[in-house]
mmCIF file of all heavy atoms, coordinates in Angstrom:
data_MODEL
# 
_entry.id   MODEL 
# 
loop_
_atom_site.group_PDB 
_atom_site.id 
_atom_site.type_symbol 
_atom_site.label_atom_id 
_atom_site.label_alt_id 
_atom_site.label_comp_id 
_atom_site.label_asym_id 
_atom_site.label_entity_id 
_atom_site.label_seq_id 
_atom_site.pdbx_PDB_ins_code 
_atom_site.Cartn_x 
_atom_site.Cartn_y 
_atom_site.Cartn_z 
_atom_site.occupancy 
_atom_site.B_iso_or_equiv 
_atom_site.pdbx_formal_charge 
_atom_site.auth_seq_id 
_atom_site.auth_comp_id 
_atom_site.auth_asym_id 
_atom_site.auth_atom_id 
_atom_site.pdbx_PDB_model_num 
ATOM 1   N N   . THR A 1 1  ? 31.131 8.121   11.477 1.00 0.00 ? 1  THR A N   1 
ATOM 2   C CA  . THR A 1 1  ? 30.676 6.742   11.460 1.00 0.00 ? 1  THR A CA  1 
ATOM 3   C C   . THR A 1 1  ? 29.538 6.545   12.504 1.00 0.00 ? 1  THR A C   1 
ATOM 4   O O   . THR A 1 1  ? 29.303 7.427   13.330 1.00 0.00 ? 1  THR A O   1 
ATOM 5   C CB  . THR A 1 1  ? 31.767 5.767   11.793 1.00 0.00 ? 1  THR A CB  1 
ATOM 6   O OG1 . THR A 1 1  ? 32.230 5.960   13.100 1.00 0.00 ? 1  THR A OG1 1 
ATOM 7   C CG2 . THR A 1 1  ? 32.973 5.971   10.842 1.00 0.00 ? 1  THR A CG2 1 
ATOM 8   N N   . THR A 1 2  ? 28.938 5.400   12.455 1.00 0.00 ? 2  THR A N   1 
ATOM 9   C CA  . THR A 1 2  ? 27.779 5.149   13.329 1.00 0.00 ? 2  THR A CA  1 
ATOM 10  C C   . THR A 1 2  ? 28.150 5.317   14.838 1.00 0.00 ? 2  THR A C   1 
ATOM 11  O O   . THR A 1 2  ? 27.507 6.000   15.561 1.00 0.00 ? 2  THR A O   1 
ATOM 12  C CB  . THR A 1 2  ? 27.266 3.652   13.111 1.00 0.00 ? 2  THR A CB  1 
ATOM 13  O OG1 . THR A 1 2  ? 27.066 3.418   11.745 1.00 0.00 ? 2  THR A OG1 1 
ATOM 14  C CG2 . THR A 1 2  ? 26.036 3.415   13.834 1.00 0.00 ? 2  THR A CG2 1 
ATOM 15  N N   . GLU A 1 3  ? 29.282 4.650   15.139 1.00 0.00 ? 3  GLU A N   1 
ATOM 16  C CA  . GLU A 1 3  ? 29.700 4.693   16.576 1.00 0.00 ? 3  GLU A CA  1 
ATOM 17  C C   . GLU A 1 3  ? 30.287 5.965   16.969 1.00 0.00 ? 3  GLU A C   1 
ATOM 18  O O   . GLU A 1 3  ? 30.339 6.344   18.181 1.00 0.00 ? 3  GLU A O   1 
ATOM 19  C CB  . GLU A 1 3  ? 30.474 3.537   16.920 1.00 0.00 ? 3  GLU A CB  1 
ATOM 20  C CG  . GLU A 1 3  ? 31.860 3.395   16.257 1.00 0.00 ? 3  GLU A CG  1 
ATOM 21  C CD  . GLU A 1 3  ? 31.691 2.602   14.996 1.00 0.00 ? 3  GLU A CD  1 
ATOM 22  O OE1 . GLU A 1 3  ? 30.701 2.640   14.374 1.00 0.00 ? 3  GLU A OE1 1 
ATOM 23  O OE2 . GLU A 1 3  ? 32.792 1.987   14.593 1.00 0.00 ? 3  GLU A OE2 1 
ATOM 24  N N   . ASP A 1 4  ? 30.854 6.702   16.008 1.00 0.00 ? 4  ASP A N   1 
ATOM 25  C CA  . ASP A 1 4  ? 31.341 8.082   16.328 1.00 0.00 ? 4  ASP A CA  1 
ATOM 26  C C   . ASP A 1 4  ? 30.199 8.904   16.905 1.00 0.00 ? 4  ASP A C   1 
ATOM 27  O O   . ASP A 1 4  ? 30.437 9.654   17.934 1.00 0.00 ? 4  ASP A O   1 
ATOM 28  C CB  . ASP A 1 4  ? 31.784 8.808   15.042 1.00 0.00 ? 4  ASP A CB  1 
ATOM 29  C CG  . ASP A 1 4  ? 33.152 8.444   14.564 1.00 0.00 ? 4  ASP A CG  1 
ATOM 30  O OD1 . ASP A 1 4  ? 33.937 7.884   15.446 1.00 0.00 ? 4  ASP A OD1 1 
ATOM 31  O OD2 . ASP A 1 4  ? 33.520 8.738   13.433 1.00 0.00 ? 4  ASP A OD2 1 
ATOM 32  N N   . TRP A 1 5  ? 29.041 8.819   16.358 1.00 0.00 ? 5  TRP A N   1 
ATOM 33  C CA  . TRP A 1 5  ? 27.926 9.545   16.906 1.00 0.00 ? 5  TRP A CA  1 
ATOM 34  C C   . TRP A 1 5  ? 27.328 8.848   18.119 1.00 0.00 ? 5  TRP A C   1 
ATOM 35  O O   . TRP A 1 5  ? 27.002 9.458   19.142 1.00 0.00 ? 5  TRP A O   1 
ATOM 36  C CB  . TRP A 1 5  ? 26.764 9.676   15.847 1.00 0.00 ? 5  TRP A CB  1 
ATOM 37  C CG  . TRP A 1 5  ? 25.558 10.180  16.427 1.00 0.00 ? 5  TRP A CG  1 
ATOM 38  C CD1 . TRP A 1 5  ? 25.268 11.529  16.793 1.00 0.00 ? 5  TRP A CD1 1 
ATOM 39  C CD2 . TRP A 1 5  ? 24.394 9.453   16.755 1.00 0.00 ? 5  TRP A CD2 1 
ATOM 40  N NE1 . TRP A 1 5  ? 24.069 11.570  17.399 1.00 0.00 ? 5  TRP A NE1 1 
ATOM 41  C CE2 . TRP A 1 5  ? 23.490 10.341  17.343 1.00 0.00 ? 5  TRP A CE2 1 
ATOM 42  C CE3 . TRP A 1 5  ? 24.083 8.097   16.659 1.00 0.00 ? 5  TRP A CE3 1 
ATOM 43  C CZ2 . TRP A 1 5  ? 22.202 9.862   17.874 1.00 0.00 ? 5  TRP A CZ2 1 
ATOM 44  C CZ3 . TRP A 1 5  ? 22.802 7.666   17.158 1.00 0.00 ? 5  TRP A CZ3 1 
ATOM 45  C CH2 . TRP A 1 5  ? 21.873 8.621   17.706 1.00 0.00 ? 5  TRP A CH2 1 
ATOM 46  N N   . SER A 1 6  ? 26.982 7.505   17.953 1.00 0.00 ? 6  SER A N   1 
ATOM 47  C CA  . SER A 1 6  ? 26.253 6.872   19.001 1.00 0.00 ? 6  SER A CA  1 
ATOM 48  C C   . SER A 1 6  ? 26.927 6.806   20.324 1.00 0.00 ? 6  SER A C   1 
ATOM 49  O O   . SER A 1 6  ? 26.310 7.067   21.387 1.00 0.00 ? 6  SER A O   1 
ATOM 50  C CB  . SER A 1 6  ? 26.000 5.388   18.568 1.00 0.00 ? 6  SER A CB  1 
ATOM 51  O OG  . SER A 1 6  ? 27.083 4.613   18.533 1.00 0.00 ? 6  SER A OG  1 
ATOM 52  N N   . TYR A 1 7  ? 28.240 6.665   20.446 1.00 0.00 ? 7  TYR A N   1 
ATOM 53  C CA  . TYR A 1 7  ? 28.990 6.634   21.645 1.00 0.00 ? 7  TYR A CA  1 
ATOM 54  C C   . TYR A 1 7  ? 28.930 8.064   22.289 1.00 0.00 ? 7  TYR A C   1 
ATOM 55  O O   . TYR A 1 7  ? 28.561 8.249   23.438 1.00 0.00 ? 7  TYR A O   1 
ATOM 56  C CB  . TYR A 1 7  ? 30.368 6.212   21.571 1.00 0.00 ? 7  TYR A CB  1 
ATOM 57  C CG  . TYR A 1 7  ? 31.183 6.400   22.836 1.00 0.00 ? 7  TYR A CG  1 
ATOM 58  C CD1 . TYR A 1 7  ? 30.935 5.611   23.885 1.00 0.00 ? 7  TYR A CD1 1 
ATOM 59  C CD2 . TYR A 1 7  ? 32.074 7.441   22.933 1.00 0.00 ? 7  TYR A CD2 1 
ATOM 60  C CE1 . TYR A 1 7  ? 31.578 5.818   25.122 1.00 0.00 ? 7  TYR A CE1 1 
ATOM 61  C CE2 . TYR A 1 7  ? 32.686 7.699   24.190 1.00 0.00 ? 7  TYR A CE2 1 
ATOM 62  C CZ  . TYR A 1 7  ? 32.449 6.820   25.251 1.00 0.00 ? 7  TYR A CZ  1 
ATOM 63  O OH  . TYR A 1 7  ? 33.070 7.105   26.432 1.00 0.00 ? 7  TYR A OH  1 
ATOM 64  N N   . TYR A 1 8  ? 29.334 9.052   21.545 1.00 0.00 ? 8  TYR A N   1 
ATOM 65  C CA  . TYR A 1 8  ? 29.463 10.412  22.133 1.00 0.00 ? 8  TYR A CA  1 
ATOM 66  C C   . TYR A 1 8  ? 28.102 11.089  22.306 1.00 0.00 ? 8  TYR A C   1 
ATOM 67  O O   . TYR A 1 8  ? 28.000 11.991  23.190 1.00 0.00 ? 8  TYR A O   1 
ATOM 68  C CB  . TYR A 1 8  ? 30.331 11.254  21.248 1.00 0.00 ? 8  TYR A CB  1 
ATOM 69  C CG  . TYR A 1 8  ? 31.822 10.799  21.274 1.00 0.00 ? 8  TYR A CG  1 
ATOM 70  C CD1 . TYR A 1 8  ? 32.370 10.112  20.352 1.00 0.00 ? 8  TYR A CD1 1 
ATOM 71  C CD2 . TYR A 1 8  ? 32.563 11.251  22.396 1.00 0.00 ? 8  TYR A CD2 1 
ATOM 72  C CE1 . TYR A 1 8  ? 33.721 9.743   20.390 1.00 0.00 ? 8  TYR A CE1 1 
ATOM 73  C CE2 . TYR A 1 8  ? 33.901 10.797  22.505 1.00 0.00 ? 8  TYR A CE2 1 
ATOM 74  C CZ  . TYR A 1 8  ? 34.422 10.054  21.503 1.00 0.00 ? 8  TYR A CZ  1 
ATOM 75  O OH  . TYR A 1 8  ? 35.749 9.634   21.577 1.00 0.00 ? 8  TYR A OH  1 
ATOM 76  N N   . ALA A 1 9  ? 27.066 10.642  21.652 1.00 0.00 ? 9  ALA A N   1 
ATOM 77  C CA  . ALA A 1 9  ? 25.754 11.208  21.838 1.00 0.00 ? 9  ALA A CA  1 
ATOM 78  C C   . ALA A 1 9  ? 24.882 10.479  23.026 1.00 0.00 ? 9  ALA A C   1 
ATOM 79  O O   . ALA A 1 9  ? 24.201 11.153  23.679 1.00 0.00 ? 9  ALA A O   1 
ATOM 80  C CB  . ALA A 1 9  ? 24.927 11.170  20.590 1.00 0.00 ? 9  ALA A CB  1 
ATOM 81  N N   . THR A 1 10 ? 25.176 9.147   23.126 1.00 0.00 ? 10 THR A N   1 
ATOM 82  C CA  . THR A 1 10 ? 24.381 8.416   24.082 1.00 0.00 ? 10 THR A CA  1 
ATOM 83  C C   . THR A 1 10 ? 25.127 7.707   25.115 1.00 0.00 ? 10 THR A C   1 
ATOM 84  O O   . THR A 1 10 ? 24.547 7.201   26.088 1.00 0.00 ? 10 THR A O   1 
ATOM 85  C CB  . THR A 1 10 ? 23.538 7.325   23.334 1.00 0.00 ? 10 THR A CB  1 
ATOM 86  O OG1 . THR A 1 10 ? 24.321 6.285   22.839 1.00 0.00 ? 10 THR A OG1 1 
ATOM 87  C CG2 . THR A 1 10 ? 22.814 7.990   22.133 1.00 0.00 ? 10 THR A CG2 1 
ATOM 88  N N   . GLY A 1 11 ? 26.442 7.524   24.907 1.00 0.00 ? 11 GLY A N   1 
ATOM 89  C CA  . GLY A 1 11 ? 27.248 6.774   25.904 1.00 0.00 ? 11 GLY A CA  1 
ATOM 90  C C   . GLY A 1 11 ? 27.211 5.245   25.714 1.00 0.00 ? 11 GLY A C   1 
ATOM 91  O O   . GLY A 1 11 ? 27.963 4.518   26.385 1.00 0.00 ? 11 GLY A O   1 
ATOM 92  N N   . GLY A 1 12 ? 26.323 4.787   24.758 1.00 0.00 ? 12 GLY A N   1 
ATOM 93  C CA  . GLY A 1 12 ? 26.332 3.366   24.464 1.00 0.00 ? 12 GLY A CA  1 
ATOM 94  C C   . GLY A 1 12 ? 27.578 2.847   23.723 1.00 0.00 ? 12 GLY A C   1 
ATOM 95  O O   . GLY A 1 12 ? 28.164 3.676   22.863 1.00 0.00 ? 12 GLY A O   1 
ATOM 96  N N   . LEU A 1 13 ? 28.118 1.720   24.037 1.00 0.00 ? 13 LEU A N   1 
ATOM 97  C CA  . LEU A 1 13 ? 29.347 1.327   23.405 1.00 0.00 ? 13 LEU A CA  1 
ATOM 98  C C   . LEU A 1 13 ? 29.094 0.672   22.049 1.00 0.00 ? 13 LEU A C   1 
ATOM 99  O O   . LEU A 1 13 ? 28.410 -0.348  21.935 1.00 0.00 ? 13 LEU A O   1 
ATOM 100 C CB  . LEU A 1 13 ? 29.979 0.223   24.369 1.00 0.00 ? 13 LEU A CB  1 
ATOM 101 C CG  . LEU A 1 13 ? 30.383 0.704   25.793 1.00 0.00 ? 13 LEU A CG  1 
ATOM 102 C CD1 . LEU A 1 13 ? 31.053 -0.481  26.484 1.00 0.00 ? 13 LEU A CD1 1 
ATOM 103 C CD2 . LEU A 1 13 ? 31.222 1.937   25.790 1.00 0.00 ? 13 LEU A CD2 1 
ATOM 104 N N   . GLY A 1 14 ? 29.617 1.384   20.992 1.00 0.00 ? 14 GLY A N   1 
ATOM 105 C CA  . GLY A 1 14 ? 29.339 0.905   19.672 1.00 0.00 ? 14 GLY A CA  1 
ATOM 106 C C   . GLY A 1 14 ? 30.644 0.373   19.113 1.00 0.00 ? 14 GLY A C   1 
ATOM 107 O O   . GLY A 1 14 ? 31.742 0.742   19.355 1.00 0.00 ? 14 GLY A O   1 
ATOM 108 N N   . PHE A 1 15 ? 30.440 -0.777  18.355 1.00 0.00 ? 15 PHE A N   1 
ATOM 109 C CA  . PHE A 1 15 ? 31.528 -1.427  17.658 1.00 0.00 ? 15 PHE A CA  1 
ATOM 110 C C   . PHE A 1 15 ? 31.304 -1.638  16.217 1.00 0.00 ? 15 PHE A C   1 
ATOM 111 O O   . PHE A 1 15 ? 30.087 -1.880  15.795 1.00 0.00 ? 15 PHE A O   1 
ATOM 112 C CB  . PHE A 1 15 ? 31.766 -2.816  18.299 1.00 0.00 ? 15 PHE A CB  1 
ATOM 113 C CG  . PHE A 1 15 ? 32.237 -2.835  19.753 1.00 0.00 ? 15 PHE A CG  1 
ATOM 114 C CD1 . PHE A 1 15 ? 31.259 -2.700  20.761 1.00 0.00 ? 15 PHE A CD1 1 
ATOM 115 C CD2 . PHE A 1 15 ? 33.571 -2.838  20.126 1.00 0.00 ? 15 PHE A CD2 1 
ATOM 116 C CE1 . PHE A 1 15 ? 31.627 -2.731  22.143 1.00 0.00 ? 15 PHE A CE1 1 
ATOM 117 C CE2 . PHE A 1 15 ? 33.964 -2.775  21.439 1.00 0.00 ? 15 PHE A CE2 1 
ATOM 118 C CZ  . PHE A 1 15 ? 33.030 -2.734  22.472 1.00 0.00 ? 15 PHE A CZ  1 
ATOM 119 N N   . THR A 1 16 ? 32.375 -1.648  15.423 1.00 0.00 ? 16 THR A N   1 
ATOM 120 C CA  . THR A 1 16 ? 32.280 -2.098  14.046 1.00 0.00 ? 16 THR A CA  1 
ATOM 121 C C   . THR A 1 16 ? 32.885 -3.464  13.924 1.00 0.00 ? 16 THR A C   1 
ATOM 122 O O   . THR A 1 16 ? 34.068 -3.623  14.311 1.00 0.00 ? 16 THR A O   1 
ATOM 123 C CB  . THR A 1 16 ? 32.969 -1.106  13.080 1.00 0.00 ? 16 THR A CB  1 
ATOM 124 O OG1 . THR A 1 16 ? 32.247 0.036   12.998 1.00 0.00 ? 16 THR A OG1 1 
ATOM 125 C CG2 . THR A 1 16 ? 33.100 -1.671  11.684 1.00 0.00 ? 16 THR A CG2 1 
ATOM 126 N N   . TYR A 1 17 ? 32.077 -4.402  13.419 1.00 0.00 ? 17 TYR A N   1 
ATOM 127 C CA  . TYR A 1 17 ? 32.588 -5.728  13.176 1.00 0.00 ? 17 TYR A CA  1 
ATOM 128 C C   . TYR A 1 17 ? 33.037 -5.766  11.645 1.00 0.00 ? 17 TYR A C   1 
ATOM 129 O O   . TYR A 1 17 ? 32.177 -5.552  10.756 1.00 0.00 ? 17 TYR A O   1 
ATOM 130 C CB  . TYR A 1 17 ? 31.578 -6.804  13.431 1.00 0.00 ? 17 TYR A CB  1 
ATOM 131 C CG  . TYR A 1 17 ? 31.774 -7.517  14.751 1.00 0.00 ? 17 TYR A CG  1 
ATOM 132 C CD1 . TYR A 1 17 ? 31.704 -6.782  15.909 1.00 0.00 ? 17 TYR A CD1 1 
ATOM 133 C CD2 . TYR A 1 17 ? 31.895 -8.862  14.761 1.00 0.00 ? 17 TYR A CD2 1 
ATOM 134 C CE1 . TYR A 1 17 ? 31.892 -7.486  17.109 1.00 0.00 ? 17 TYR A CE1 1 
ATOM 135 C CE2 . TYR A 1 17 ? 32.094 -9.563  16.087 1.00 0.00 ? 17 TYR A CE2 1 
ATOM 136 C CZ  . TYR A 1 17 ? 32.080 -8.855  17.176 1.00 0.00 ? 17 TYR A CZ  1 
ATOM 137 O OH  . TYR A 1 17 ? 32.232 -9.440  18.356 1.00 0.00 ? 17 TYR A OH  1 
ATOM 138 N N   . MET A 1 18 ? 34.315 -6.047  11.417 1.00 0.00 ? 18 MET A N   1 
ATOM 139 C CA  . MET A 1 18 ? 34.780 -6.276  10.020 1.00 0.00 ? 18 MET A CA  1 
ATOM 140 C C   . MET A 1 18 ? 34.911 -7.781  9.898  1.00 0.00 ? 18 MET A C   1 
ATOM 141 O O   . MET A 1 18 ? 35.962 -8.345  10.055 1.00 0.00 ? 18 MET A O   1 
ATOM 142 C CB  . MET A 1 18 ? 36.107 -5.573  9.820  1.00 0.00 ? 18 MET A CB  1 
ATOM 143 C CG  . MET A 1 18 ? 36.175 -4.120  10.321 1.00 0.00 ? 18 MET A CG  1 
ATOM 144 S SD  . MET A 1 18 ? 35.155 -3.042  9.387  1.00 0.00 ? 18 MET A SD  1 
ATOM 145 C CE  . MET A 1 18 ? 36.034 -3.019  7.891  1.00 0.00 ? 18 MET A CE  1 
ATOM 146 N N   . GLU A 1 19 ? 33.751 -8.401  9.520  1.00 0.00 ? 19 GLU A N   1 
ATOM 147 C CA  . GLU A 1 19 ? 33.748 -9.818  9.619  1.00 0.00 ? 19 GLU A CA  1 
ATOM 148 C C   . GLU A 1 19 ? 33.859 -10.508 8.275  1.00 0.00 ? 19 GLU A C   1 
ATOM 149 O O   . GLU A 1 19 ? 34.087 -10.003 7.220  1.00 0.00 ? 19 GLU A O   1 
ATOM 150 C CB  . GLU A 1 19 ? 32.360 -10.174 10.235 1.00 0.00 ? 19 GLU A CB  1 
ATOM 151 C CG  . GLU A 1 19 ? 31.177 -10.131 9.248  1.00 0.00 ? 19 GLU A CG  1 
ATOM 152 C CD  . GLU A 1 19 ? 30.791 -8.740  8.885  1.00 0.00 ? 19 GLU A CD  1 
ATOM 153 O OE1 . GLU A 1 19 ? 31.366 -7.802  9.405  1.00 0.00 ? 19 GLU A OE1 1 
ATOM 154 O OE2 . GLU A 1 19 ? 29.903 -8.580  7.978  1.00 0.00 ? 19 GLU A OE2 1 
ATOM 155 N N   . ILE A 1 20 ? 33.683 -11.867 8.328  1.00 0.00 ? 20 ILE A N   1 
ATOM 156 C CA  . ILE A 1 20 ? 33.633 -12.745 7.189  1.00 0.00 ? 20 ILE A CA  1 
ATOM 157 C C   . ILE A 1 20 ? 34.935 -12.856 6.435  1.00 0.00 ? 20 ILE A C   1 
ATOM 158 O O   . ILE A 1 20 ? 35.027 -12.567 5.271  1.00 0.00 ? 20 ILE A O   1 
ATOM 159 C CB  . ILE A 1 20 ? 32.514 -12.387 6.217  1.00 0.00 ? 20 ILE A CB  1 
ATOM 160 C CG1 . ILE A 1 20 ? 31.242 -11.902 6.960  1.00 0.00 ? 20 ILE A CG1 1 
ATOM 161 C CG2 . ILE A 1 20 ? 32.141 -13.545 5.305  1.00 0.00 ? 20 ILE A CG2 1 
ATOM 162 C CD1 . ILE A 1 20 ? 30.612 -12.984 7.769  1.00 0.00 ? 20 ILE A CD1 1 
ATOM 163 N N   . GLY A 1 21 ? 35.985 -13.283 7.108  1.00 0.00 ? 21 GLY A N   1 
ATOM 164 C CA  . GLY A 1 21 ? 37.183 -13.648 6.427  1.00 0.00 ? 21 GLY A CA  1 
ATOM 165 C C   . GLY A 1 21 ? 38.283 -12.613 6.229  1.00 0.00 ? 21 GLY A C   1 
ATOM 166 O O   . GLY A 1 21 ? 37.951 -11.420 6.275  1.00 0.00 ? 21 GLY A O   1 
ATOM 167 N N   . ARG A 1 22 ? 39.496 -13.081 6.098  1.00 0.00 ? 22 ARG A N   1 
ATOM 168 C CA  . ARG A 1 22 ? 40.580 -12.145 5.930  1.00 0.00 ? 22 ARG A CA  1 
ATOM 169 C C   . ARG A 1 22 ? 40.863 -11.932 4.429  1.00 0.00 ? 22 ARG A C   1 
ATOM 170 O O   . ARG A 1 22 ? 41.514 -11.009 4.053  1.00 0.00 ? 22 ARG A O   1 
ATOM 171 C CB  . ARG A 1 22 ? 41.854 -12.700 6.541  1.00 0.00 ? 22 ARG A CB  1 
ATOM 172 C CG  . ARG A 1 22 ? 41.770 -12.745 8.056  1.00 0.00 ? 22 ARG A CG  1 
ATOM 173 C CD  . ARG A 1 22 ? 43.125 -13.091 8.664  1.00 0.00 ? 22 ARG A CD  1 
ATOM 174 N NE  . ARG A 1 22 ? 42.979 -13.171 10.170 1.00 0.00 ? 22 ARG A NE  1 
ATOM 175 C CZ  . ARG A 1 22 ? 43.139 -12.140 10.960 1.00 0.00 ? 22 ARG A CZ  1 
ATOM 176 N NH1 . ARG A 1 22 ? 43.370 -10.955 10.431 1.00 0.00 ? 22 ARG A NH1 1 
ATOM 177 N NH2 . ARG A 1 22 ? 42.921 -12.232 12.256 1.00 0.00 ? 22 ARG A NH2 1 
ATOM 178 N N   . ALA A 1 23 ? 40.344 -12.856 3.597  1.00 0.00 ? 23 ALA A N   1 
ATOM 179 C CA  . ALA A 1 23 ? 40.489 -12.676 2.192  1.00 0.00 ? 23 ALA A CA  1 
ATOM 180 C C   . ALA A 1 23 ? 39.214 -12.029 1.578  1.00 0.00 ? 23 ALA A C   1 
ATOM 181 O O   . ALA A 1 23 ? 38.225 -11.835 2.278  1.00 0.00 ? 23 ALA A O   1 
ATOM 182 C CB  . ALA A 1 23 ? 40.694 -14.026 1.488  1.00 0.00 ? 23 ALA A CB  1 
ATOM 183 N N   . SER A 1 24 ? 39.250 -11.645 0.322  1.00 0.00 ? 24 SER A N   1 
ATOM 184 C CA  . SER A 1 24 ? 38.124 -10.861 -0.314 1.00 0.00 ? 24 SER A CA  1 
ATOM 185 C C   . SER A 1 24 ? 37.153 -11.812 -0.873 1.00 0.00 ? 24 SER A C   1 
ATOM 186 O O   . SER A 1 24 ? 36.363 -11.394 -1.815 1.00 0.00 ? 24 SER A O   1 
ATOM 187 C CB  . SER A 1 24 ? 38.750 -9.980  -1.389 1.00 0.00 ? 24 SER A CB  1 
ATOM 188 O OG  . SER A 1 24 ? 39.369 -10.690 -2.378 1.00 0.00 ? 24 SER A OG  1 
ATOM 189 N N   . CYS A 1 25 ? 36.960 -13.049 -0.394 1.00 0.00 ? 25 CYS A N   1 
ATOM 190 C CA  . CYS A 1 25 ? 35.926 -13.979 -0.981 1.00 0.00 ? 25 CYS A CA  1 
ATOM 191 C C   . CYS A 1 25 ? 34.536 -13.442 -0.564 1.00 0.00 ? 25 CYS A C   1 
ATOM 192 O O   . CYS A 1 25 ? 34.199 -13.535 0.607  1.00 0.00 ? 25 CYS A O   1 
ATOM 193 C CB  . CYS A 1 25 ? 36.220 -15.421 -0.625 1.00 0.00 ? 25 CYS A CB  1 
ATOM 194 S SG  . CYS A 1 25 ? 36.194 -15.650 1.179  1.00 0.00 ? 25 CYS A SG  1 
ATOM 195 N N   . ARG A 1 26 ? 33.823 -13.005 -1.469 1.00 0.00 ? 26 ARG A N   1 
ATOM 196 C CA  . ARG A 1 26 ? 32.464 -12.557 -1.299 1.00 0.00 ? 26 ARG A CA  1 
ATOM 197 C C   . ARG A 1 26 ? 32.311 -11.445 -0.189 1.00 0.00 ? 26 ARG A C   1 
ATOM 198 O O   . ARG A 1 26 ? 31.326 -11.367 0.446  1.00 0.00 ? 26 ARG A O   1 
ATOM 199 C CB  . ARG A 1 26 ? 31.603 -13.747 -0.920 1.00 0.00 ? 26 ARG A CB  1 
ATOM 200 C CG  . ARG A 1 26 ? 30.745 -14.309 -2.019 1.00 0.00 ? 26 ARG A CG  1 
ATOM 201 C CD  . ARG A 1 26 ? 29.995 -13.186 -2.685 1.00 0.00 ? 26 ARG A CD  1 
ATOM 202 N NE  . ARG A 1 26 ? 29.239 -13.713 -3.825 1.00 0.00 ? 26 ARG A NE  1 
ATOM 203 C CZ  . ARG A 1 26 ? 28.908 -12.928 -4.863 1.00 0.00 ? 26 ARG A CZ  1 
ATOM 204 N NH1 . ARG A 1 26 ? 29.240 -11.652 -4.873 1.00 0.00 ? 26 ARG A NH1 1 
ATOM 205 N NH2 . ARG A 1 26 ? 28.206 -13.415 -5.822 1.00 0.00 ? 26 ARG A NH2 1 
# 
C-alpha cells in the first residue's frame, strides 16, 4: 500500500482514511 512504502522509505507518517459513511451509499 501507499503508506507501506512511504513510511518505511521516507519516515513520513502515512494514513489511509476510509471515509464517507459506514453504509455503502455512494
